[in-house]
């Protein structure tokens, strides 16, 4: 009984730490970093579900105001990898409006204390710039303990 209680407490204590880390899968194709991270952070596939990634990859000609079209081979390679590594966790896999991470229910809930003016600061630019406040975002670190909101 005592061991079960200790194990339960240990698991509950570790859960928030695990939830704050979304590592990039080790099998990321070089094309993902080369193509996607040339304009924005290479988002971890687990930040969205399969349907969102399918929608994003099917509309690269109109990718959030930019033409991010790829050749067929590269588009297929990245799409397959994103779908394979997309979140199946209900929190992240729910369909995000406009296929935007920043409009997903979990993102809005996690950032509800951020004032609108913060997103407009020159050092932040938009809610999609995770690395402005989450210095470890590229490696999957989104812990609130490591958030540093830029003053300007």
N, C-alpha and C. Protein backbone atom coordinates (compact mmCIF):
# COMPACT_ATOMS: atom_id res chain seq x y z
N UNK A 1 0.84 -1.19 0.00
CA UNK A 1 0.00 0.00 0.00
C UNK A 1 0.88 1.25 0.00
N UNK A 2 1.89 1.27 0.87
CA UNK A 2 2.79 2.42 0.97
C UNK A 2 3.53 2.63 -0.34
N UNK A 3 3.99 1.54 -0.98
CA UNK A 3 4.69 1.64 -2.25
C UNK A 3 3.77 2.18 -3.35
N UNK A 4 2.51 1.75 -3.35
CA UNK A 4 1.56 2.23 -4.34
C UNK A 4 1.32 3.73 -4.19
N UNK A 5 1.21 4.19 -2.95
CA UNK A 5 1.00 5.61 -2.69
C UNK A 5 2.21 6.42 -3.14
N UNK A 6 3.41 5.94 -2.85
CA UNK A 6 4.63 6.64 -3.28
C UNK A 6 4.75 6.69 -4.79
N UNK A 7 4.41 5.58 -5.44
CA UNK A 7 4.46 5.54 -6.90
C UNK A 7 3.45 6.53 -7.50
N UNK A 8 2.26 6.56 -6.95
CA UNK A 8 1.23 7.50 -7.43
C UNK A 8 1.68 8.94 -7.27
N UNK A 9 2.25 9.26 -6.11
CA UNK A 9 2.74 10.62 -5.89
C UNK A 9 3.88 10.97 -6.84
N UNK A 10 4.77 10.04 -7.07
CA UNK A 10 5.89 10.28 -7.99
C UNK A 10 5.39 10.53 -9.41
N UNK A 11 4.41 9.77 -9.86
CA UNK A 11 3.85 9.95 -11.19
C UNK A 11 3.13 11.28 -11.32
N UNK A 12 2.36 11.65 -10.32
CA UNK A 12 1.65 12.93 -10.37
C UNK A 12 2.62 14.10 -10.37
N UNK A 13 3.69 14.00 -9.65
CA UNK A 13 4.68 15.06 -9.60
C UNK A 13 5.40 15.19 -10.94
N UNK A 14 5.65 14.09 -11.61
CA UNK A 14 6.38 14.10 -12.88
C UNK A 14 5.53 14.53 -14.06
N UNK A 15 4.22 14.42 -13.97
CA UNK A 15 3.35 14.70 -15.10
C UNK A 15 3.49 16.11 -15.67
N UNK A 16 3.49 17.18 -14.86
CA UNK A 16 3.61 18.50 -15.45
C UNK A 16 4.93 18.70 -16.20
N UNK A 17 5.98 18.10 -15.72
CA UNK A 17 7.27 18.22 -16.38
C UNK A 17 7.21 17.53 -17.73
N UNK A 18 6.63 16.35 -17.78
CA UNK A 18 6.53 15.62 -19.05
C UNK A 18 5.66 16.39 -20.04
N UNK A 19 4.58 16.99 -19.57
CA UNK A 19 3.68 17.72 -20.46
C UNK A 19 4.34 18.96 -21.05
N UNK A 20 5.34 19.50 -20.39
CA UNK A 20 6.00 20.72 -20.85
C UNK A 20 7.10 20.42 -21.87
N UNK A 21 7.37 19.16 -22.16
CA UNK A 21 8.43 18.78 -23.09
C UNK A 21 7.83 18.03 -24.27
N UNK A 22 7.95 18.61 -25.44
CA UNK A 22 7.48 17.99 -26.67
C UNK A 22 8.66 17.90 -27.62
N UNK A 23 9.42 16.87 -27.48
CA UNK A 23 10.65 16.74 -28.27
C UNK A 23 10.38 16.54 -29.75
N UNK A 24 11.32 17.02 -30.55
CA UNK A 24 11.27 16.79 -31.99
C UNK A 24 11.63 15.33 -32.23
N UNK A 25 10.84 14.61 -32.99
CA UNK A 25 11.18 13.21 -33.29
C UNK A 25 12.55 13.13 -33.96
N UNK A 26 13.29 12.11 -33.63
CA UNK A 26 14.67 11.97 -34.13
C UNK A 26 14.74 11.67 -35.62
N UNK A 27 13.63 11.24 -36.20
CA UNK A 27 13.63 10.90 -37.63
C UNK A 27 13.17 12.05 -38.52
N UNK A 28 13.29 13.28 -38.03
CA UNK A 28 12.87 14.44 -38.83
C UNK A 28 13.65 14.50 -40.14
N UNK A 29 12.94 14.61 -41.25
CA UNK A 29 13.66 14.71 -42.52
C UNK A 29 14.41 16.05 -42.61
N UNK A 30 15.55 16.04 -43.24
CA UNK A 30 16.34 17.27 -43.41
C UNK A 30 15.51 18.34 -44.11
N UNK A 31 14.62 17.92 -44.97
CA UNK A 31 13.78 18.86 -45.71
C UNK A 31 12.85 19.65 -44.78
N UNK A 32 12.46 19.07 -43.66
CA UNK A 32 11.58 19.78 -42.73
C UNK A 32 12.29 21.00 -42.16
N UNK A 33 13.48 20.79 -41.70
CA UNK A 33 14.27 21.91 -41.16
C UNK A 33 14.59 22.91 -42.27
N UNK A 34 15.02 22.41 -43.42
CA UNK A 34 15.43 23.29 -44.53
C UNK A 34 14.26 24.12 -45.06
N UNK A 35 13.11 23.51 -45.22
CA UNK A 35 11.97 24.20 -45.82
C UNK A 35 11.13 24.96 -44.80
N UNK A 36 10.74 24.29 -43.76
CA UNK A 36 9.80 24.90 -42.80
C UNK A 36 10.50 25.89 -41.86
N UNK A 37 11.65 25.51 -41.35
CA UNK A 37 12.35 26.38 -40.41
C UNK A 37 13.06 27.54 -41.08
N UNK A 38 13.00 27.62 -42.39
CA UNK A 38 13.60 28.78 -43.06
C UNK A 38 12.73 30.02 -42.85
N UNK A 39 11.46 29.84 -42.49
CA UNK A 39 10.56 30.97 -42.26
C UNK A 39 10.08 31.08 -40.81
N UNK A 40 9.98 29.98 -40.14
CA UNK A 40 9.49 29.98 -38.75
C UNK A 40 10.13 28.80 -38.01
N UNK A 41 9.88 28.74 -36.73
CA UNK A 41 10.38 27.62 -35.94
C UNK A 41 9.89 26.31 -36.54
N UNK A 42 10.71 25.30 -36.53
CA UNK A 42 10.29 23.97 -36.97
C UNK A 42 9.44 23.39 -35.84
N UNK A 43 8.13 23.59 -35.96
CA UNK A 43 7.22 23.16 -34.89
C UNK A 43 7.24 21.65 -34.72
N UNK A 44 7.16 21.22 -33.48
CA UNK A 44 7.06 19.80 -33.19
C UNK A 44 5.73 19.28 -33.74
N UNK A 45 5.76 18.17 -34.46
CA UNK A 45 4.51 17.64 -35.04
C UNK A 45 3.44 17.36 -33.99
N UNK A 46 3.83 17.08 -32.76
CA UNK A 46 2.87 16.76 -31.71
C UNK A 46 2.08 17.97 -31.22
N UNK A 47 2.36 19.16 -31.77
CA UNK A 47 1.59 20.34 -31.39
C UNK A 47 0.23 20.39 -32.09
N UNK A 48 0.05 19.57 -33.11
CA UNK A 48 -1.22 19.49 -33.83
C UNK A 48 -1.55 18.03 -34.14
N UNK A 49 -2.80 17.80 -34.46
CA UNK A 49 -3.24 16.47 -34.86
C UNK A 49 -3.10 16.26 -36.36
N UNK A 50 -3.36 15.04 -36.80
CA UNK A 50 -3.19 14.67 -38.20
C UNK A 50 -4.01 15.54 -39.16
N UNK A 51 -5.26 15.80 -38.83
CA UNK A 51 -6.14 16.56 -39.72
C UNK A 51 -5.57 17.96 -39.98
N UNK A 52 -5.08 18.62 -38.92
CA UNK A 52 -4.50 19.95 -39.11
C UNK A 52 -3.28 19.88 -40.02
N UNK A 53 -2.40 18.91 -39.81
CA UNK A 53 -1.20 18.80 -40.65
C UNK A 53 -1.58 18.49 -42.10
N UNK A 54 -2.57 17.63 -42.29
CA UNK A 54 -3.03 17.34 -43.66
C UNK A 54 -3.52 18.62 -44.33
N UNK A 55 -4.32 19.40 -43.62
CA UNK A 55 -4.84 20.65 -44.16
C UNK A 55 -3.71 21.63 -44.49
N UNK A 56 -2.75 21.77 -43.59
CA UNK A 56 -1.64 22.69 -43.80
C UNK A 56 -0.83 22.28 -45.03
N UNK A 57 -0.49 21.02 -45.10
CA UNK A 57 0.36 20.55 -46.20
C UNK A 57 -0.37 20.55 -47.54
N UNK A 58 -1.69 20.48 -47.53
CA UNK A 58 -2.46 20.49 -48.77
C UNK A 58 -2.66 21.91 -49.30
N UNK A 59 -2.32 22.91 -48.51
CA UNK A 59 -2.56 24.30 -48.90
C UNK A 59 -1.31 25.17 -48.79
N UNK A 60 -0.16 24.62 -49.13
CA UNK A 60 1.09 25.37 -48.99
C UNK A 60 1.18 26.58 -49.93
N UNK A 61 0.43 26.58 -50.99
CA UNK A 61 0.40 27.74 -51.89
C UNK A 61 -0.16 28.98 -51.22
N UNK A 62 -0.97 28.75 -50.19
CA UNK A 62 -1.55 29.85 -49.40
C UNK A 62 -1.29 29.56 -47.92
N UNK A 63 -0.02 29.49 -47.59
CA UNK A 63 0.41 29.13 -46.24
C UNK A 63 0.48 30.36 -45.34
N UNK A 64 -0.64 30.69 -44.72
CA UNK A 64 -0.72 31.82 -43.81
C UNK A 64 -0.20 33.11 -44.45
N UNK A 65 -0.63 33.35 -45.69
CA UNK A 65 -0.25 34.57 -46.38
C UNK A 65 0.99 34.47 -47.23
N UNK A 66 1.62 33.32 -47.28
CA UNK A 66 2.83 33.12 -48.09
C UNK A 66 2.66 31.93 -49.01
N UNK A 67 3.43 31.93 -50.08
CA UNK A 67 3.48 30.77 -50.96
C UNK A 67 4.64 29.90 -50.50
N UNK A 68 4.32 28.81 -49.85
CA UNK A 68 5.34 27.90 -49.34
C UNK A 68 5.34 26.59 -50.13
N UNK A 69 4.95 26.68 -51.40
CA UNK A 69 4.87 25.49 -52.24
C UNK A 69 6.19 24.73 -52.27
N UNK A 70 6.07 23.42 -52.35
CA UNK A 70 7.22 22.52 -52.40
C UNK A 70 7.09 21.61 -53.62
N UNK A 71 8.20 21.03 -54.04
CA UNK A 71 8.11 20.03 -55.09
C UNK A 71 7.39 18.81 -54.49
N UNK A 72 6.82 17.99 -55.34
CA UNK A 72 5.99 16.86 -54.90
C UNK A 72 6.72 15.91 -53.95
N UNK A 73 7.97 15.61 -54.27
CA UNK A 73 8.74 14.67 -53.43
C UNK A 73 8.93 15.22 -52.02
N UNK A 74 9.33 16.47 -51.92
CA UNK A 74 9.56 17.08 -50.61
C UNK A 74 8.26 17.22 -49.84
N UNK A 75 7.21 17.63 -50.51
CA UNK A 75 5.92 17.77 -49.85
C UNK A 75 5.44 16.43 -49.31
N UNK A 76 5.61 15.38 -50.08
CA UNK A 76 5.20 14.05 -49.64
C UNK A 76 6.03 13.58 -48.44
N UNK A 77 7.32 13.79 -48.52
CA UNK A 77 8.21 13.37 -47.43
C UNK A 77 7.85 14.06 -46.12
N UNK A 78 7.68 15.38 -46.17
CA UNK A 78 7.34 16.13 -44.95
C UNK A 78 5.95 15.76 -44.46
N UNK A 79 5.00 15.67 -45.38
CA UNK A 79 3.62 15.32 -44.99
C UNK A 79 3.55 13.98 -44.28
N UNK A 80 4.19 12.97 -44.85
CA UNK A 80 4.17 11.63 -44.23
C UNK A 80 4.77 11.67 -42.83
N UNK A 81 5.85 12.40 -42.67
CA UNK A 81 6.51 12.49 -41.37
C UNK A 81 5.64 13.23 -40.35
N UNK A 82 5.03 14.34 -40.77
CA UNK A 82 4.15 15.09 -39.86
C UNK A 82 2.96 14.24 -39.42
N UNK A 83 2.35 13.53 -40.36
CA UNK A 83 1.19 12.69 -40.05
C UNK A 83 1.58 11.56 -39.10
N UNK A 84 2.72 10.95 -39.37
CA UNK A 84 3.20 9.85 -38.52
C UNK A 84 3.46 10.32 -37.09
N UNK A 85 3.91 11.56 -36.94
CA UNK A 85 4.29 12.07 -35.62
C UNK A 85 3.31 13.06 -35.02
N UNK A 86 2.16 13.24 -35.67
CA UNK A 86 1.14 14.15 -35.16
C UNK A 86 0.63 13.65 -33.82
N UNK A 87 0.07 14.55 -33.07
CA UNK A 87 -0.45 14.19 -31.76
C UNK A 87 -1.70 13.32 -31.87
N UNK A 88 -1.79 12.37 -30.98
CA UNK A 88 -3.02 11.59 -30.83
C UNK A 88 -3.63 11.92 -29.46
N UNK A 89 -2.92 12.74 -28.69
CA UNK A 89 -3.40 13.22 -27.40
C UNK A 89 -4.58 14.17 -27.65
N UNK A 90 -5.67 13.95 -26.97
CA UNK A 90 -6.87 14.77 -27.18
C UNK A 90 -6.59 16.26 -27.04
N UNK A 91 -5.69 16.63 -26.13
CA UNK A 91 -5.38 18.04 -25.89
C UNK A 91 -4.84 18.71 -27.15
N UNK A 92 -3.94 18.06 -27.85
CA UNK A 92 -3.28 18.66 -29.01
C UNK A 92 -3.91 18.26 -30.34
N UNK A 93 -4.61 17.15 -30.39
CA UNK A 93 -5.12 16.66 -31.67
C UNK A 93 -6.48 17.24 -32.07
N UNK A 94 -7.14 17.95 -31.16
CA UNK A 94 -8.42 18.58 -31.53
C UNK A 94 -8.17 19.56 -32.67
N UNK A 95 -9.09 19.59 -33.62
CA UNK A 95 -8.93 20.43 -34.79
C UNK A 95 -8.81 21.90 -34.39
N UNK A 96 -7.70 22.52 -34.77
CA UNK A 96 -7.45 23.92 -34.46
C UNK A 96 -8.07 24.80 -35.54
N UNK A 97 -8.80 25.85 -35.17
CA UNK A 97 -9.37 26.75 -36.17
C UNK A 97 -8.29 27.30 -37.10
N UNK A 98 -8.59 27.33 -38.37
CA UNK A 98 -7.68 27.83 -39.40
C UNK A 98 -6.35 27.07 -39.43
N UNK A 99 -6.32 25.89 -38.81
CA UNK A 99 -5.11 25.06 -38.73
C UNK A 99 -3.95 25.79 -38.05
N UNK A 100 -4.26 26.71 -37.17
CA UNK A 100 -3.25 27.50 -36.48
C UNK A 100 -3.05 26.98 -35.06
N UNK A 101 -1.80 26.70 -34.73
CA UNK A 101 -1.47 26.29 -33.36
C UNK A 101 -1.97 27.36 -32.39
N UNK A 102 -1.78 28.62 -32.76
CA UNK A 102 -2.13 29.73 -31.87
C UNK A 102 -3.64 29.92 -31.67
N UNK A 103 -4.45 29.22 -32.45
CA UNK A 103 -5.90 29.31 -32.28
C UNK A 103 -6.48 28.04 -31.66
N UNK A 104 -5.60 27.11 -31.33
CA UNK A 104 -6.08 25.87 -30.71
C UNK A 104 -6.50 26.15 -29.27
N UNK A 105 -7.44 25.37 -28.79
CA UNK A 105 -7.97 25.56 -27.43
C UNK A 105 -6.86 25.46 -26.39
N UNK A 106 -5.96 24.49 -26.54
CA UNK A 106 -4.89 24.35 -25.54
C UNK A 106 -3.96 25.55 -25.55
N UNK A 107 -3.64 26.11 -26.72
CA UNK A 107 -2.74 27.26 -26.79
C UNK A 107 -3.38 28.47 -26.11
N UNK A 108 -4.64 28.71 -26.42
CA UNK A 108 -5.35 29.85 -25.84
C UNK A 108 -5.42 29.72 -24.33
N UNK A 109 -5.70 28.52 -23.84
CA UNK A 109 -5.77 28.30 -22.39
C UNK A 109 -4.40 28.54 -21.73
N UNK A 110 -3.34 28.03 -22.35
CA UNK A 110 -1.99 28.18 -21.79
C UNK A 110 -1.50 29.63 -21.81
N UNK A 111 -2.03 30.44 -22.72
CA UNK A 111 -1.54 31.81 -22.89
C UNK A 111 -2.59 32.87 -22.52
N UNK A 112 -3.62 32.46 -21.77
CA UNK A 112 -4.71 33.41 -21.48
C UNK A 112 -4.28 34.61 -20.65
N UNK A 113 -3.15 34.51 -19.95
CA UNK A 113 -2.68 35.63 -19.14
C UNK A 113 -1.79 36.60 -19.92
N UNK A 114 -1.48 36.27 -21.16
CA UNK A 114 -0.64 37.14 -21.98
C UNK A 114 -1.50 38.25 -22.59
N UNK A 115 -1.12 39.48 -22.28
CA UNK A 115 -1.86 40.63 -22.81
C UNK A 115 -1.63 40.76 -24.32
N UNK A 116 -2.62 41.26 -25.04
CA UNK A 116 -2.54 41.39 -26.50
C UNK A 116 -1.35 42.21 -26.95
N UNK A 117 -0.96 43.21 -26.20
CA UNK A 117 0.17 44.05 -26.59
C UNK A 117 1.50 43.29 -26.60
N UNK A 118 1.59 42.23 -25.82
CA UNK A 118 2.84 41.45 -25.79
C UNK A 118 3.11 40.84 -27.15
N UNK A 119 2.07 40.33 -27.81
CA UNK A 119 2.24 39.70 -29.12
C UNK A 119 2.72 40.69 -30.18
N UNK A 120 2.49 41.98 -29.94
CA UNK A 120 2.85 43.02 -30.92
C UNK A 120 4.22 43.62 -30.67
N UNK A 121 4.89 43.24 -29.61
CA UNK A 121 6.22 43.78 -29.33
C UNK A 121 7.18 43.37 -30.45
N UNK A 122 8.10 44.27 -30.82
CA UNK A 122 9.04 43.97 -31.91
C UNK A 122 9.84 42.68 -31.69
N UNK A 123 10.15 42.36 -30.46
CA UNK A 123 10.93 41.16 -30.18
C UNK A 123 10.08 39.89 -30.19
N UNK A 124 8.76 40.04 -30.18
CA UNK A 124 7.85 38.89 -30.20
C UNK A 124 7.21 38.75 -31.58
N UNK A 125 6.65 39.78 -32.11
CA UNK A 125 6.02 39.87 -33.44
C UNK A 125 4.67 39.19 -33.53
N UNK A 126 4.55 37.97 -33.02
CA UNK A 126 3.25 37.28 -33.07
C UNK A 126 3.24 36.12 -32.09
N UNK A 127 2.05 35.61 -31.85
CA UNK A 127 1.90 34.46 -30.95
C UNK A 127 2.57 33.21 -31.51
N UNK A 128 2.81 33.18 -32.81
CA UNK A 128 3.44 32.02 -33.45
C UNK A 128 4.95 31.96 -33.22
N UNK A 129 5.53 33.01 -32.67
CA UNK A 129 6.97 33.06 -32.41
C UNK A 129 7.27 32.49 -31.02
N UNK A 130 7.15 31.21 -30.87
CA UNK A 130 7.32 30.54 -29.58
C UNK A 130 8.66 30.88 -28.93
N UNK A 131 9.70 30.95 -29.74
CA UNK A 131 11.05 31.13 -29.20
C UNK A 131 11.28 32.51 -28.60
N UNK A 132 10.37 33.45 -28.83
CA UNK A 132 10.52 34.77 -28.22
C UNK A 132 10.45 34.68 -26.70
N UNK A 133 9.61 33.82 -26.19
CA UNK A 133 9.43 33.68 -24.73
C UNK A 133 9.90 32.33 -24.19
N UNK A 134 9.75 31.29 -25.00
CA UNK A 134 10.16 29.94 -24.61
C UNK A 134 11.53 29.68 -25.24
N UNK A 135 12.57 29.97 -24.53
CA UNK A 135 13.93 29.88 -25.09
C UNK A 135 14.30 28.47 -25.52
N UNK A 136 13.66 27.45 -24.95
CA UNK A 136 13.94 26.05 -25.29
C UNK A 136 12.90 25.47 -26.24
N UNK A 137 12.09 26.31 -26.88
CA UNK A 137 11.00 25.82 -27.73
C UNK A 137 11.49 24.93 -28.86
N UNK A 138 12.59 25.28 -29.49
CA UNK A 138 13.09 24.49 -30.62
C UNK A 138 13.41 23.06 -30.21
N UNK A 139 13.82 22.87 -28.96
CA UNK A 139 14.11 21.52 -28.48
C UNK A 139 12.93 20.92 -27.73
N UNK A 140 11.78 21.59 -27.78
CA UNK A 140 10.57 21.05 -27.18
C UNK A 140 10.29 21.49 -25.77
N UNK A 141 11.04 22.44 -25.26
CA UNK A 141 10.85 22.91 -23.89
C UNK A 141 9.85 24.05 -23.82
N UNK A 142 8.69 23.78 -23.23
CA UNK A 142 7.65 24.80 -23.11
C UNK A 142 7.23 25.00 -21.66
N UNK A 143 8.08 24.64 -20.73
CA UNK A 143 7.76 24.76 -19.32
C UNK A 143 7.57 26.22 -18.93
N UNK A 144 6.55 26.48 -18.14
CA UNK A 144 6.30 27.85 -17.66
C UNK A 144 7.45 28.33 -16.78
N UNK A 145 8.20 27.42 -16.21
CA UNK A 145 9.32 27.82 -15.35
C UNK A 145 10.42 28.51 -16.15
N UNK A 146 10.49 28.26 -17.45
CA UNK A 146 11.56 28.81 -18.28
C UNK A 146 11.09 29.94 -19.20
N UNK A 147 9.89 30.46 -18.97
CA UNK A 147 9.37 31.53 -19.81
C UNK A 147 10.02 32.86 -19.43
N UNK A 148 10.46 33.57 -20.46
CA UNK A 148 11.02 34.91 -20.28
C UNK A 148 10.35 35.81 -21.32
N UNK A 149 9.35 36.59 -20.87
CA UNK A 149 8.63 37.47 -21.78
C UNK A 149 9.48 38.72 -22.01
N UNK A 150 9.83 39.00 -23.26
CA UNK A 150 10.65 40.19 -23.55
C UNK A 150 9.93 41.49 -23.15
N UNK A 151 10.69 42.41 -22.62
CA UNK A 151 10.12 43.70 -22.19
C UNK A 151 9.75 44.58 -23.38
N UNK A 152 10.47 44.43 -24.47
CA UNK A 152 10.22 45.28 -25.65
C UNK A 152 9.99 44.46 -26.91
